[in-house]
């Protein structure tokens, strides 16, 4: 067991290298990725992100990091809808609480809200990182919006890319035909929408500029 723990720690640090390389932490309020204690329950988060394109970032805790997929149309409780999910770089565990504005000129610039979050269990297997590595993971989500079993499965590579997956809601008690994530637009952390986050940012800038003008600067 001690050997496995050391291996996981090394893997986690290495997998966050790409995350750190893409960001200037002097410019963006995103977390650097501090080491957090792990609880027994595995955590998940879905962040709604308006950058160059609106999408939802689906993240599962695995191997000490958040394994992450960008889902353009967002997760749904409708089993008939298969959502494209593009795997992106791993994110640190403390990213699951991030909500705010990534400034212009930075990677992923735009507004972010915590659209849903909670815990999950594996429906198959015992190691989420190993299941992801095999190209298929079945999870049971316990979130405020999303619940029940979901399957993430890697699509056959095209043009040398292995990043394309499908996110599918399984047929169970949590399924709901026609369920649209855009009709559930508020943050589960603060109750804000993306527009609220953008407006609060603009108000803060306006207040700052007005204060500077009054002081003659």
N, C-alpha and C. Protein backbone atom coordinates (compact mmCIF):
# COMPACT_ATOMS: atom_id res chain seq x y z
N UNK A 1 0.81 -1.22 0.00
CA UNK A 1 0.00 0.00 0.00
C UNK A 1 0.84 1.27 0.00
N UNK A 2 1.92 1.39 0.87
CA UNK A 2 2.72 2.61 0.86
C UNK A 2 3.30 2.91 -0.52
N UNK A 3 3.72 1.84 -1.23
CA UNK A 3 4.30 2.05 -2.57
C UNK A 3 3.26 2.64 -3.51
N UNK A 4 2.03 2.13 -3.44
CA UNK A 4 0.96 2.64 -4.30
C UNK A 4 0.69 4.10 -4.02
N UNK A 5 0.75 4.51 -2.75
CA UNK A 5 0.50 5.90 -2.38
C UNK A 5 1.55 6.83 -3.00
N UNK A 6 2.81 6.40 -2.95
CA UNK A 6 3.88 7.22 -3.54
C UNK A 6 3.69 7.34 -5.04
N UNK A 7 3.30 6.26 -5.67
CA UNK A 7 3.08 6.28 -7.11
C UNK A 7 1.98 7.24 -7.51
N UNK A 8 0.87 7.24 -6.76
CA UNK A 8 -0.25 8.13 -7.05
C UNK A 8 0.15 9.58 -6.90
N UNK A 9 0.92 9.91 -5.84
CA UNK A 9 1.34 11.29 -5.62
C UNK A 9 2.19 11.80 -6.77
N UNK A 10 3.13 10.95 -7.22
CA UNK A 10 4.00 11.34 -8.33
C UNK A 10 3.19 11.55 -9.59
N UNK A 11 2.24 10.64 -9.85
CA UNK A 11 1.39 10.76 -11.04
C UNK A 11 0.59 12.04 -11.01
N UNK A 12 0.04 12.38 -9.85
CA UNK A 12 -0.80 13.58 -9.72
C UNK A 12 -0.01 14.83 -10.03
N UNK A 13 1.19 14.94 -9.47
CA UNK A 13 2.00 16.14 -9.72
C UNK A 13 2.35 16.25 -11.19
N UNK A 14 2.71 15.12 -11.81
CA UNK A 14 3.09 15.14 -13.21
C UNK A 14 1.94 15.50 -14.12
N UNK A 15 0.74 15.02 -13.79
CA UNK A 15 -0.40 15.24 -14.68
C UNK A 15 -0.89 16.68 -14.65
N UNK A 16 -0.48 17.46 -13.64
CA UNK A 16 -0.89 18.86 -13.55
C UNK A 16 0.09 19.81 -14.23
N UNK A 17 1.17 19.26 -14.79
CA UNK A 17 2.16 20.09 -15.44
C UNK A 17 1.55 20.87 -16.61
N UNK A 18 0.74 20.20 -17.41
CA UNK A 18 0.12 20.85 -18.56
C UNK A 18 -0.84 21.95 -18.11
N UNK A 19 -1.57 21.69 -17.04
CA UNK A 19 -2.47 22.71 -16.48
C UNK A 19 -1.69 23.96 -16.11
N UNK A 20 -0.57 23.81 -15.40
CA UNK A 20 0.22 24.95 -14.95
C UNK A 20 0.89 25.68 -16.12
N UNK A 21 1.34 24.92 -17.13
CA UNK A 21 2.02 25.54 -18.27
C UNK A 21 1.10 26.46 -19.06
N UNK A 22 -0.20 26.22 -19.03
CA UNK A 22 -1.15 27.01 -19.81
C UNK A 22 -1.59 28.28 -19.10
N UNK A 23 -1.20 28.47 -17.84
CA UNK A 23 -1.75 29.56 -17.05
C UNK A 23 -0.68 30.45 -16.44
N UNK A 24 -0.97 31.75 -16.37
CA UNK A 24 -0.14 32.72 -15.67
C UNK A 24 -0.88 33.08 -14.39
N UNK A 25 -0.45 32.53 -13.27
CA UNK A 25 -1.19 32.68 -12.02
C UNK A 25 -1.07 34.09 -11.42
N UNK A 26 -0.22 34.92 -12.03
CA UNK A 26 -0.20 36.33 -11.63
C UNK A 26 -1.35 37.09 -12.28
N UNK A 27 -1.96 36.49 -13.31
CA UNK A 27 -3.02 37.15 -14.06
C UNK A 27 -4.40 36.53 -13.82
N UNK A 28 -4.46 35.23 -13.59
CA UNK A 28 -5.75 34.55 -13.47
C UNK A 28 -6.02 34.16 -12.01
N UNK A 29 -7.29 34.23 -11.57
CA UNK A 29 -7.62 33.85 -10.20
C UNK A 29 -7.79 32.35 -10.01
N UNK A 30 -7.53 31.56 -11.04
CA UNK A 30 -7.67 30.11 -10.93
C UNK A 30 -6.67 29.56 -9.91
N UNK A 31 -7.03 28.47 -9.22
CA UNK A 31 -6.12 27.91 -8.22
C UNK A 31 -4.87 27.30 -8.83
N UNK A 32 -3.76 27.41 -8.09
CA UNK A 32 -2.50 26.85 -8.57
C UNK A 32 -2.48 25.34 -8.43
N UNK A 33 -3.25 24.84 -7.49
CA UNK A 33 -3.30 23.39 -7.33
C UNK A 33 -2.63 22.91 -6.06
N UNK A 34 -3.06 23.44 -4.93
CA UNK A 34 -2.52 22.99 -3.66
C UNK A 34 -2.96 21.57 -3.37
N UNK A 35 -2.16 20.86 -2.59
CA UNK A 35 -2.48 19.48 -2.25
C UNK A 35 -3.57 19.48 -1.18
N UNK A 36 -4.65 18.78 -1.44
CA UNK A 36 -5.76 18.73 -0.50
C UNK A 36 -5.91 17.33 0.06
N UNK A 37 -6.38 17.22 1.31
CA UNK A 37 -6.63 15.88 1.87
C UNK A 37 -7.76 15.19 1.13
N UNK A 38 -7.63 13.91 0.94
CA UNK A 38 -8.66 13.16 0.24
C UNK A 38 -9.63 12.52 1.22
N UNK A 39 -10.91 12.61 0.93
CA UNK A 39 -11.90 11.94 1.75
C UNK A 39 -12.25 10.60 1.14
N UNK A 40 -13.13 9.88 1.78
CA UNK A 40 -13.51 8.57 1.27
C UNK A 40 -14.37 8.69 0.01
N UNK A 41 -15.26 9.69 0.00
CA UNK A 41 -16.15 9.86 -1.15
C UNK A 41 -15.42 10.55 -2.29
N UNK A 42 -15.53 9.99 -3.48
CA UNK A 42 -14.97 10.63 -4.65
C UNK A 42 -15.87 11.79 -5.07
N UNK A 43 -15.27 12.88 -5.54
CA UNK A 43 -16.05 14.07 -5.85
C UNK A 43 -16.08 14.33 -7.36
N UNK A 44 -17.15 15.00 -7.77
CA UNK A 44 -17.25 15.44 -9.15
C UNK A 44 -17.74 16.88 -9.16
N UNK A 45 -17.48 17.57 -10.26
CA UNK A 45 -18.00 18.92 -10.45
C UNK A 45 -18.25 19.13 -11.93
N UNK A 46 -19.27 19.91 -12.24
CA UNK A 46 -19.50 20.36 -13.60
C UNK A 46 -19.50 21.89 -13.56
N UNK A 47 -18.59 22.49 -14.30
CA UNK A 47 -18.49 23.95 -14.35
C UNK A 47 -18.95 24.44 -15.71
N UNK A 48 -19.89 25.38 -15.69
CA UNK A 48 -20.35 26.00 -16.93
C UNK A 48 -19.39 27.13 -17.26
N UNK A 49 -18.88 27.14 -18.49
CA UNK A 49 -17.74 28.00 -18.82
C UNK A 49 -18.02 28.70 -20.15
N UNK A 50 -18.14 30.00 -20.10
CA UNK A 50 -18.31 30.79 -21.31
C UNK A 50 -16.97 31.40 -21.68
N UNK A 51 -16.27 30.73 -22.57
CA UNK A 51 -14.97 31.22 -23.07
C UNK A 51 -15.19 31.61 -24.53
N UNK A 52 -14.32 31.18 -25.44
CA UNK A 52 -14.55 31.46 -26.86
C UNK A 52 -15.82 30.77 -27.33
N UNK A 53 -16.15 29.63 -26.69
CA UNK A 53 -17.41 28.94 -26.94
C UNK A 53 -17.99 28.49 -25.59
N UNK A 54 -19.30 28.53 -25.48
CA UNK A 54 -19.95 28.06 -24.26
C UNK A 54 -19.84 26.54 -24.19
N UNK A 55 -19.45 26.03 -23.03
CA UNK A 55 -19.39 24.59 -22.82
C UNK A 55 -19.48 24.29 -21.33
N UNK A 56 -19.54 23.02 -21.01
CA UNK A 56 -19.58 22.57 -19.62
C UNK A 56 -18.36 21.68 -19.39
N UNK A 57 -17.64 21.94 -18.30
CA UNK A 57 -16.48 21.13 -17.96
C UNK A 57 -16.87 20.07 -16.94
N UNK A 58 -16.84 18.82 -17.35
CA UNK A 58 -17.22 17.68 -16.51
C UNK A 58 -15.96 17.10 -15.90
N UNK A 59 -15.89 17.07 -14.56
CA UNK A 59 -14.64 16.68 -13.90
C UNK A 59 -14.90 15.61 -12.83
N UNK A 60 -14.09 14.56 -12.86
CA UNK A 60 -14.18 13.47 -11.91
C UNK A 60 -12.88 13.37 -11.12
N UNK A 61 -12.99 13.28 -9.80
CA UNK A 61 -11.79 13.05 -8.98
C UNK A 61 -11.25 11.65 -9.26
N UNK A 62 -9.97 11.59 -9.58
CA UNK A 62 -9.31 10.31 -9.86
C UNK A 62 -7.81 10.49 -9.74
N UNK A 63 -7.17 9.63 -8.99
CA UNK A 63 -5.71 9.64 -8.88
C UNK A 63 -5.18 10.97 -8.36
N UNK A 64 -5.95 11.61 -7.47
CA UNK A 64 -5.48 12.83 -6.82
C UNK A 64 -5.66 14.10 -7.62
N UNK A 65 -6.34 14.02 -8.77
CA UNK A 65 -6.60 15.21 -9.60
C UNK A 65 -8.04 15.15 -10.09
N UNK A 66 -8.44 16.16 -10.85
CA UNK A 66 -9.74 16.14 -11.51
C UNK A 66 -9.54 15.80 -12.98
N UNK A 67 -9.92 14.58 -13.37
CA UNK A 67 -9.91 14.22 -14.79
C UNK A 67 -11.04 15.00 -15.45
N UNK A 68 -10.77 15.61 -16.59
CA UNK A 68 -11.67 16.64 -17.12
C UNK A 68 -12.02 16.44 -18.59
N UNK A 69 -13.30 16.75 -18.90
CA UNK A 69 -13.81 16.70 -20.27
C UNK A 69 -14.62 17.96 -20.54
N UNK A 70 -14.46 18.55 -21.71
CA UNK A 70 -15.29 19.68 -22.14
C UNK A 70 -16.48 19.12 -22.92
N UNK A 71 -17.69 19.45 -22.44
CA UNK A 71 -18.92 18.94 -23.04
C UNK A 71 -19.66 20.12 -23.68
N UNK A 72 -19.58 20.29 -25.00
CA UNK A 72 -20.16 21.49 -25.64
C UNK A 72 -21.64 21.71 -25.33
N UNK A 73 -22.45 20.66 -25.38
CA UNK A 73 -23.90 20.82 -25.17
C UNK A 73 -24.32 20.57 -23.72
N UNK A 74 -23.38 20.21 -22.88
CA UNK A 74 -23.67 20.00 -21.47
C UNK A 74 -24.25 18.62 -21.18
N UNK A 75 -24.09 18.14 -19.94
CA UNK A 75 -24.67 16.85 -19.57
C UNK A 75 -26.20 16.92 -19.59
N UNK A 76 -26.83 15.78 -19.78
CA UNK A 76 -28.28 15.72 -19.77
C UNK A 76 -28.73 14.46 -19.06
N UNK A 77 -29.95 14.51 -18.53
CA UNK A 77 -30.55 13.33 -17.90
C UNK A 77 -31.34 12.50 -18.91
N UNK A 78 -31.31 12.90 -20.17
CA UNK A 78 -32.04 12.19 -21.22
C UNK A 78 -31.16 11.08 -21.80
N UNK A 79 -31.52 9.81 -21.60
CA UNK A 79 -30.69 8.70 -22.10
C UNK A 79 -30.59 8.65 -23.62
N UNK A 80 -31.51 9.29 -24.32
CA UNK A 80 -31.48 9.26 -25.78
C UNK A 80 -30.42 10.21 -26.36
N UNK A 81 -29.94 11.12 -25.54
CA UNK A 81 -28.97 12.12 -26.01
C UNK A 81 -27.54 11.70 -25.64
N UNK A 82 -26.72 11.54 -26.64
CA UNK A 82 -25.30 11.23 -26.41
C UNK A 82 -24.51 12.51 -26.60
N UNK A 83 -23.77 12.89 -25.58
CA UNK A 83 -23.04 14.15 -25.61
C UNK A 83 -21.56 13.93 -25.93
N UNK A 84 -21.06 14.68 -26.91
CA UNK A 84 -19.63 14.68 -27.17
C UNK A 84 -18.91 15.28 -25.97
N UNK A 85 -17.83 14.63 -25.54
CA UNK A 85 -17.03 15.10 -24.41
C UNK A 85 -15.56 15.00 -24.80
N UNK A 86 -14.90 16.15 -24.91
CA UNK A 86 -13.49 16.17 -25.31
C UNK A 86 -12.60 16.20 -24.07
N UNK A 87 -11.78 15.19 -23.90
CA UNK A 87 -10.91 15.15 -22.73
C UNK A 87 -9.86 16.23 -22.82
N UNK A 88 -9.67 16.96 -21.73
CA UNK A 88 -8.69 18.05 -21.65
C UNK A 88 -7.71 17.75 -20.52
N UNK A 89 -6.84 18.70 -20.22
CA UNK A 89 -5.82 18.47 -19.21
C UNK A 89 -6.43 18.27 -17.83
N UNK A 90 -5.74 17.49 -17.00
CA UNK A 90 -6.16 17.31 -15.61
C UNK A 90 -6.12 18.65 -14.88
N UNK A 91 -7.03 18.83 -13.93
CA UNK A 91 -7.09 20.03 -13.10
C UNK A 91 -6.87 19.64 -11.64
N UNK A 92 -6.39 20.57 -10.82
CA UNK A 92 -6.19 20.27 -9.39
C UNK A 92 -7.52 20.11 -8.67
N UNK A 93 -7.49 19.38 -7.56
CA UNK A 93 -8.72 19.11 -6.81
C UNK A 93 -9.40 20.39 -6.34
N UNK A 94 -8.63 21.42 -5.97
CA UNK A 94 -9.26 22.64 -5.46
C UNK A 94 -9.92 23.46 -6.55
N UNK A 95 -9.76 23.04 -7.82
CA UNK A 95 -10.44 23.74 -8.91
C UNK A 95 -11.95 23.53 -8.84
N UNK A 96 -12.39 22.51 -8.12
CA UNK A 96 -13.83 22.20 -8.07
C UNK A 96 -14.64 23.32 -7.43
N UNK A 97 -14.01 24.21 -6.69
CA UNK A 97 -14.72 25.33 -6.05
C UNK A 97 -14.57 26.63 -6.82
N UNK A 98 -13.84 26.61 -7.95
CA UNK A 98 -13.57 27.86 -8.65
C UNK A 98 -14.81 28.38 -9.38
N UNK A 99 -15.12 29.64 -9.12
CA UNK A 99 -16.19 30.35 -9.81
C UNK A 99 -15.77 31.81 -9.93
N UNK A 100 -15.90 32.37 -11.12
CA UNK A 100 -15.48 33.76 -11.30
C UNK A 100 -15.14 34.04 -12.75
N UNK A 101 -14.23 34.99 -12.94
CA UNK A 101 -13.87 35.44 -14.28
C UNK A 101 -12.38 35.20 -14.52
N UNK A 102 -12.07 34.50 -15.61
CA UNK A 102 -10.69 34.37 -16.07
C UNK A 102 -10.43 35.56 -17.00
N UNK A 103 -9.49 36.43 -16.68
CA UNK A 103 -9.31 37.68 -17.45
C UNK A 103 -8.92 37.45 -18.90
N UNK A 104 -9.24 38.44 -19.73
CA UNK A 104 -8.86 38.41 -21.14
C UNK A 104 -7.35 38.26 -21.27
N UNK A 105 -6.96 37.55 -22.30
CA UNK A 105 -5.54 37.33 -22.55
C UNK A 105 -5.01 36.08 -21.88
N UNK A 106 -5.83 35.44 -21.03
CA UNK A 106 -5.43 34.23 -20.37
C UNK A 106 -6.13 33.02 -20.99
N UNK A 107 -5.52 31.87 -20.84
CA UNK A 107 -6.10 30.64 -21.37
C UNK A 107 -7.50 30.42 -20.77
N UNK A 108 -8.49 30.19 -21.64
CA UNK A 108 -9.85 29.95 -21.17
C UNK A 108 -10.56 31.19 -20.69
N UNK A 109 -10.14 32.38 -21.12
CA UNK A 109 -10.72 33.63 -20.64
C UNK A 109 -12.24 33.62 -20.77
N UNK A 110 -12.92 34.04 -19.70
CA UNK A 110 -14.37 34.08 -19.69
C UNK A 110 -14.92 33.81 -18.32
N UNK A 111 -16.23 33.61 -18.23
CA UNK A 111 -16.90 33.42 -16.95
C UNK A 111 -17.06 31.92 -16.65
N UNK A 112 -16.98 31.60 -15.36
CA UNK A 112 -17.11 30.21 -14.91
C UNK A 112 -18.04 30.18 -13.69
N UNK A 113 -18.98 29.23 -13.68
CA UNK A 113 -19.77 28.99 -12.48
C UNK A 113 -19.72 27.50 -12.14
N UNK A 114 -19.96 27.19 -10.87
CA UNK A 114 -20.06 25.80 -10.43
C UNK A 114 -21.50 25.36 -10.70
N UNK A 115 -21.70 24.74 -11.85
CA UNK A 115 -23.05 24.41 -12.32
C UNK A 115 -23.66 23.24 -11.54
N UNK A 116 -22.83 22.27 -11.18
CA UNK A 116 -23.27 21.16 -10.33
C UNK A 116 -22.05 20.55 -9.67
N UNK A 117 -22.28 19.91 -8.53
CA UNK A 117 -21.19 19.22 -7.85
C UNK A 117 -21.78 18.24 -6.85
N UNK A 118 -20.94 17.31 -6.42
CA UNK A 118 -21.39 16.30 -5.47
C UNK A 118 -20.35 15.19 -5.38
N UNK A 119 -20.82 13.99 -5.12
CA UNK A 119 -19.93 12.84 -5.01
C UNK A 119 -20.37 11.78 -6.03
N UNK A 120 -19.48 10.82 -6.24
CA UNK A 120 -19.83 9.73 -7.15
C UNK A 120 -19.23 8.42 -6.67
N UNK A 121 -19.79 7.34 -7.18
CA UNK A 121 -19.27 6.00 -6.94
C UNK A 121 -19.06 5.32 -8.29
N UNK A 122 -18.10 4.42 -8.32
CA UNK A 122 -17.90 3.62 -9.52
C UNK A 122 -18.99 2.56 -9.61
N UNK A 123 -19.58 2.41 -10.79
CA UNK A 123 -20.55 1.33 -11.02
C UNK A 123 -19.84 0.05 -11.44
N UNK A 124 -18.64 0.22 -11.96
CA UNK A 124 -17.81 -0.92 -12.37
C UNK A 124 -16.37 -0.63 -12.00
N UNK A 125 -15.65 -1.65 -11.58
CA UNK A 125 -14.24 -1.48 -11.25
C UNK A 125 -14.02 -0.89 -9.87
N UNK A 126 -12.75 -0.71 -9.51
CA UNK A 126 -12.40 -0.20 -8.19
C UNK A 126 -11.48 1.02 -8.24
N UNK A 127 -10.95 1.34 -9.42
CA UNK A 127 -10.00 2.44 -9.55
C UNK A 127 -10.43 3.33 -10.72
N UNK A 128 -10.91 4.55 -10.44
CA UNK A 128 -11.41 5.40 -11.53
C UNK A 128 -10.35 5.74 -12.57
N UNK A 129 -9.11 5.98 -12.14
CA UNK A 129 -8.05 6.31 -13.10
C UNK A 129 -7.79 5.14 -14.05
N UNK A 130 -7.85 3.92 -13.51
CA UNK A 130 -7.65 2.74 -14.34
C UNK A 130 -8.79 2.56 -15.34
N UNK A 131 -10.02 2.81 -14.89
CA UNK A 131 -11.18 2.71 -15.79
C UNK A 131 -11.07 3.72 -16.93
N UNK A 132 -10.67 4.96 -16.59
CA UNK A 132 -10.50 5.99 -17.62
C UNK A 132 -9.40 5.58 -18.59
N UNK A 133 -8.31 5.04 -18.05
CA UNK A 133 -7.21 4.59 -18.89
C UNK A 133 -7.62 3.52 -19.88
N UNK A 134 -8.63 2.69 -19.49
CA UNK A 134 -9.12 1.65 -20.38
C UNK A 134 -10.13 2.18 -21.41
N UNK A 135 -10.53 3.45 -21.22
CA UNK A 135 -11.41 4.06 -22.22
C UNK A 135 -12.89 3.96 -21.93
N UNK A 136 -13.26 3.57 -20.73
CA UNK A 136 -14.68 3.52 -20.37
C UNK A 136 -14.81 3.57 -18.85
N UNK A 137 -15.67 4.46 -18.37
CA UNK A 137 -15.93 4.54 -16.94
C UNK A 137 -17.42 4.73 -16.70
N UNK A 138 -17.98 3.91 -15.82
CA UNK A 138 -19.40 4.02 -15.45
C UNK A 138 -19.48 4.51 -14.01
N UNK A 139 -20.19 5.60 -13.80
CA UNK A 139 -20.25 6.22 -12.48
C UNK A 139 -21.70 6.47 -12.06
N UNK A 140 -21.92 6.49 -10.77
CA UNK A 140 -23.22 6.86 -10.21
C UNK A 140 -23.03 8.21 -9.53
N UNK A 141 -23.67 9.24 -10.08
CA UNK A 141 -23.51 10.60 -9.57
C UNK A 141 -24.55 10.92 -8.51
N UNK A 142 -24.10 11.65 -7.49
CA UNK A 142 -24.99 12.18 -6.45
C UNK A 142 -24.76 13.69 -6.40
N UNK A 143 -25.37 14.42 -7.33
CA UNK A 143 -25.24 15.86 -7.39
C UNK A 143 -26.55 16.54 -7.09
N UNK A 144 -26.57 17.86 -7.19
CA UNK A 144 -27.79 18.62 -6.96
C UNK A 144 -28.66 18.67 -8.22
N UNK A 145 -28.05 18.50 -9.39
CA UNK A 145 -28.79 18.48 -10.65
C UNK A 145 -28.70 17.13 -11.33
N UNK A 146 -27.53 16.55 -11.30
CA UNK A 146 -27.30 15.27 -11.97
C UNK A 146 -27.33 14.13 -10.97
N UNK A 147 -28.04 13.06 -11.33
CA UNK A 147 -28.10 11.90 -10.46
C UNK A 147 -28.26 10.63 -11.26
N UNK A 148 -27.81 9.55 -10.68
CA UNK A 148 -27.92 8.25 -11.34
C UNK A 148 -26.68 7.89 -12.11
N UNK A 149 -26.81 6.85 -12.92
CA UNK A 149 -25.66 6.29 -13.61
C UNK A 149 -25.38 6.99 -14.94
N UNK A 150 -24.10 7.27 -15.17
CA UNK A 150 -23.62 7.84 -16.42
C UNK A 150 -22.46 6.99 -16.92
N UNK A 151 -22.29 6.96 -18.23
CA UNK A 151 -21.16 6.26 -18.84
C UNK A 151 -20.36 7.24 -19.69
N UNK A 152 -19.06 7.23 -19.49
CA UNK A 152 -18.12 7.94 -20.36
C UNK A 152 -17.34 6.90 -21.14
N UNK A 153 -17.40 6.98 -22.46
CA UNK A 153 -16.70 6.00 -23.27
C UNK A 153 -15.92 6.70 -24.37
N UNK A 154 -14.67 6.29 -24.55
CA UNK A 154 -13.82 6.89 -25.57
C UNK A 154 -14.25 6.43 -26.96
N UNK A 155 -14.32 7.37 -27.89
CA UNK A 155 -14.64 7.04 -29.27
C UNK A 155 -13.40 6.52 -29.99
N UNK A 156 -13.62 5.85 -31.10
CA UNK A 156 -12.49 5.37 -31.89
C UNK A 156 -11.68 6.57 -32.40
N UNK A 157 -10.37 6.53 -32.25
CA UNK A 157 -9.55 7.67 -32.65
C UNK A 157 -9.70 8.00 -34.12
N UNK A 158 -9.78 9.31 -34.40
CA UNK A 158 -9.78 9.78 -35.78
C UNK A 158 -8.67 10.82 -35.93
N UNK A 159 -7.92 10.73 -37.00
CA UNK A 159 -6.82 11.67 -37.26
C UNK A 159 -5.81 11.67 -36.12
N UNK A 160 -5.63 10.51 -35.48
CA UNK A 160 -4.65 10.40 -34.42
C UNK A 160 -5.08 10.95 -33.08
N UNK A 161 -6.33 11.44 -32.97
CA UNK A 161 -6.80 12.02 -31.71
C UNK A 161 -7.52 10.98 -30.87
N UNK A 162 -7.18 10.92 -29.59
CA UNK A 162 -7.85 10.00 -28.66
C UNK A 162 -8.62 10.77 -27.59
N UNK A 163 -8.91 12.04 -27.88
CA UNK A 163 -9.54 12.88 -26.86
C UNK A 163 -11.06 12.87 -26.89
N UNK A 164 -11.65 12.33 -27.95
CA UNK A 164 -13.11 12.39 -28.09
C UNK A 164 -13.78 11.23 -27.36
N UNK A 165 -14.71 11.59 -26.46
CA UNK A 165 -15.48 10.61 -25.71
C UNK A 165 -16.97 10.92 -25.90
N UNK A 166 -17.82 10.00 -25.44
CA UNK A 166 -19.25 10.23 -25.35
C UNK A 166 -19.68 10.15 -23.89
N UNK A 167 -20.52 11.10 -23.46
CA UNK A 167 -21.10 11.08 -22.13
C UNK A 167 -22.57 10.71 -22.29
N UNK A 168 -22.96 9.59 -21.68
CA UNK A 168 -24.29 9.02 -21.89
C UNK A 168 -24.98 8.79 -20.55
N UNK A 169 -26.23 9.23 -20.44
CA UNK A 169 -27.04 8.93 -19.25
C UNK A 169 -27.65 7.55 -19.41
N UNK A 170 -27.44 6.68 -18.42
CA UNK A 170 -28.03 5.35 -18.46
C UNK A 170 -29.51 5.42 -18.08
N UNK A 171 -30.28 4.44 -18.51
CA UNK A 171 -31.70 4.38 -18.18
C UNK A 171 -31.88 3.87 -16.75
N UNK A 172 -32.30 4.75 -15.88
CA UNK A 172 -32.56 4.39 -14.48
C UNK A 172 -33.56 5.39 -13.91
N UNK A 173 -33.73 5.36 -12.60
CA UNK A 173 -34.72 6.25 -11.97
C UNK A 173 -34.37 7.72 -12.10
N UNK A 174 -33.11 8.02 -12.37
CA UNK A 174 -32.69 9.42 -12.51
C UNK A 174 -32.85 9.97 -13.92
N UNK A 175 -33.24 9.13 -14.87
CA UNK A 175 -33.39 9.56 -16.25
C UNK A 175 -34.63 10.43 -16.42
N UNK A 176 -34.54 11.39 -17.35
CA UNK A 176 -35.67 12.29 -17.63
C UNK A 176 -35.63 12.72 -19.09
N UNK A 177 -36.61 12.33 -19.84
CA UNK A 177 -36.67 12.65 -21.26
C UNK A 177 -36.76 14.15 -21.48
N UNK A 178 -35.98 14.66 -22.45
CA UNK A 178 -36.03 16.07 -22.80
C UNK A 178 -35.34 17.01 -21.83
N UNK A 179 -34.59 16.48 -20.89
CA UNK A 179 -33.95 17.33 -19.87
C UNK A 179 -32.85 18.17 -20.52
N UNK A 180 -32.93 19.49 -20.35
CA UNK A 180 -32.02 20.43 -21.00
C UNK A 180 -31.22 21.20 -19.96
N UNK A 181 -29.88 21.12 -19.98
CA UNK A 181 -29.07 21.83 -18.98
C UNK A 181 -29.25 23.34 -19.03
N UNK A 182 -29.61 23.89 -20.19
CA UNK A 182 -29.78 25.34 -20.30
C UNK A 182 -30.99 25.85 -19.53
N UNK A 183 -31.90 24.96 -19.15
CA UNK A 183 -33.04 25.37 -18.32
C UNK A 183 -32.70 25.30 -16.83
N UNK A 184 -31.47 24.96 -16.53
CA UNK A 184 -30.99 24.87 -15.14
C UNK A 184 -29.66 25.62 -15.08
N UNK A 185 -29.72 26.93 -15.29
CA UNK A 185 -28.52 27.71 -15.59
C UNK A 185 -27.78 28.26 -14.38
N UNK A 186 -28.33 28.14 -13.17
CA UNK A 186 -27.73 28.79 -12.01
C UNK A 186 -26.63 27.94 -11.37
N UNK A 187 -25.73 28.62 -10.68
CA UNK A 187 -24.67 27.96 -9.92
C UNK A 187 -25.25 27.30 -8.66
N UNK A 188 -24.78 26.09 -8.37
CA UNK A 188 -25.21 25.44 -7.13
C UNK A 188 -24.41 25.97 -5.93
N UNK A 189 -23.36 26.72 -6.21
CA UNK A 189 -22.53 27.29 -5.14
C UNK A 189 -23.08 28.64 -4.67
N UNK A 190 -23.48 29.50 -5.62
CA UNK A 190 -23.88 30.86 -5.27
C UNK A 190 -25.26 31.25 -5.78
N UNK A 191 -25.84 30.45 -6.66
CA UNK A 191 -27.12 30.81 -7.27
C UNK A 191 -26.98 31.77 -8.44
N UNK A 192 -25.75 32.15 -8.79
CA UNK A 192 -25.53 33.10 -9.88
C UNK A 192 -25.54 32.40 -11.23
N UNK A 193 -25.82 33.17 -12.28
CA UNK A 193 -25.68 32.70 -13.65
C UNK A 193 -24.38 33.26 -14.22
N UNK A 194 -24.04 32.83 -15.43
CA UNK A 194 -22.86 33.39 -16.09
C UNK A 194 -23.00 34.89 -16.31
N UNK A 195 -24.21 35.33 -16.65
CA UNK A 195 -24.44 36.77 -16.84
C UNK A 195 -24.24 37.54 -15.53
N UNK A 196 -24.67 36.94 -14.41
CA UNK A 196 -24.47 37.59 -13.10
C UNK A 196 -22.99 37.76 -12.81
N UNK A 197 -22.21 36.72 -13.11
CA UNK A 197 -20.76 36.78 -12.88
C UNK A 197 -20.13 37.86 -13.74
N UNK A 198 -20.55 37.94 -15.01
CA UNK A 198 -20.01 38.96 -15.92
C UNK A 198 -20.38 40.36 -15.44
N UNK A 199 -21.61 40.54 -15.01
CA UNK A 199 -22.06 41.86 -14.56
C UNK A 199 -21.35 42.29 -13.29
N UNK A 200 -21.12 41.37 -12.38
CA UNK A 200 -20.42 41.72 -11.14
C UNK A 200 -18.99 42.12 -11.43
N UNK A 201 -18.39 41.51 -12.43
CA UNK A 201 -17.03 41.86 -12.84
C UNK A 201 -17.01 43.27 -13.43
N UNK A 202 -18.00 43.57 -14.29
CA UNK A 202 -18.07 44.89 -14.90
C UNK A 202 -18.34 45.97 -13.85
N UNK A 203 -19.21 45.64 -12.88
CA UNK A 203 -19.52 46.60 -11.82
C UNK A 203 -18.29 46.90 -10.98
N UNK A 204 -17.49 45.86 -10.73
CA UNK A 204 -16.28 46.06 -9.93
C UNK A 204 -15.30 46.96 -10.68
N UNK A 205 -15.18 46.74 -12.00
CA UNK A 205 -14.28 47.58 -12.79
C UNK A 205 -14.78 49.03 -12.82
N UNK A 206 -16.09 49.20 -13.00
CA UNK A 206 -16.68 50.54 -13.05
C UNK A 206 -16.47 51.26 -11.73
N UNK A 207 -16.66 50.56 -10.62
CA UNK A 207 -16.48 51.16 -9.31
C UNK A 207 -15.02 51.56 -9.11
N UNK A 208 -14.11 50.69 -9.57
CA UNK A 208 -12.69 50.98 -9.44
C UNK A 208 -12.30 52.21 -10.26
N UNK A 209 -12.82 52.29 -11.48
CA UNK A 209 -12.50 53.43 -12.35
C UNK A 209 -13.08 54.73 -11.78
N UNK A 210 -14.30 54.66 -11.24
CA UNK A 210 -14.94 55.85 -10.68
C UNK A 210 -14.17 56.36 -9.47
N UNK A 211 -13.70 55.42 -8.64
CA UNK A 211 -12.92 55.81 -7.45
C UNK A 211 -11.62 56.50 -7.87
N UNK A 212 -10.97 55.90 -8.91
CA UNK A 212 -9.72 56.50 -9.40
C UNK A 212 -9.96 57.90 -9.95
N UNK A 213 -11.08 58.09 -10.66
CA UNK A 213 -11.37 59.40 -11.26
C UNK A 213 -11.59 60.44 -10.17
N UNK A 214 -12.27 60.05 -9.11
CA UNK A 214 -12.55 61.01 -8.01
C UNK A 214 -11.27 61.42 -7.32
N UNK A 215 -10.30 60.52 -7.26
CA UNK A 215 -9.06 60.84 -6.56
C UNK A 215 -8.08 61.59 -7.46
N UNK A 216 -8.49 61.80 -8.73
CA UNK A 216 -7.65 62.58 -9.64
C UNK A 216 -6.56 61.80 -10.29
N UNK A 217 -6.63 60.44 -10.21
CA UNK A 217 -5.59 59.63 -10.83
C UNK A 217 -6.00 59.22 -12.23
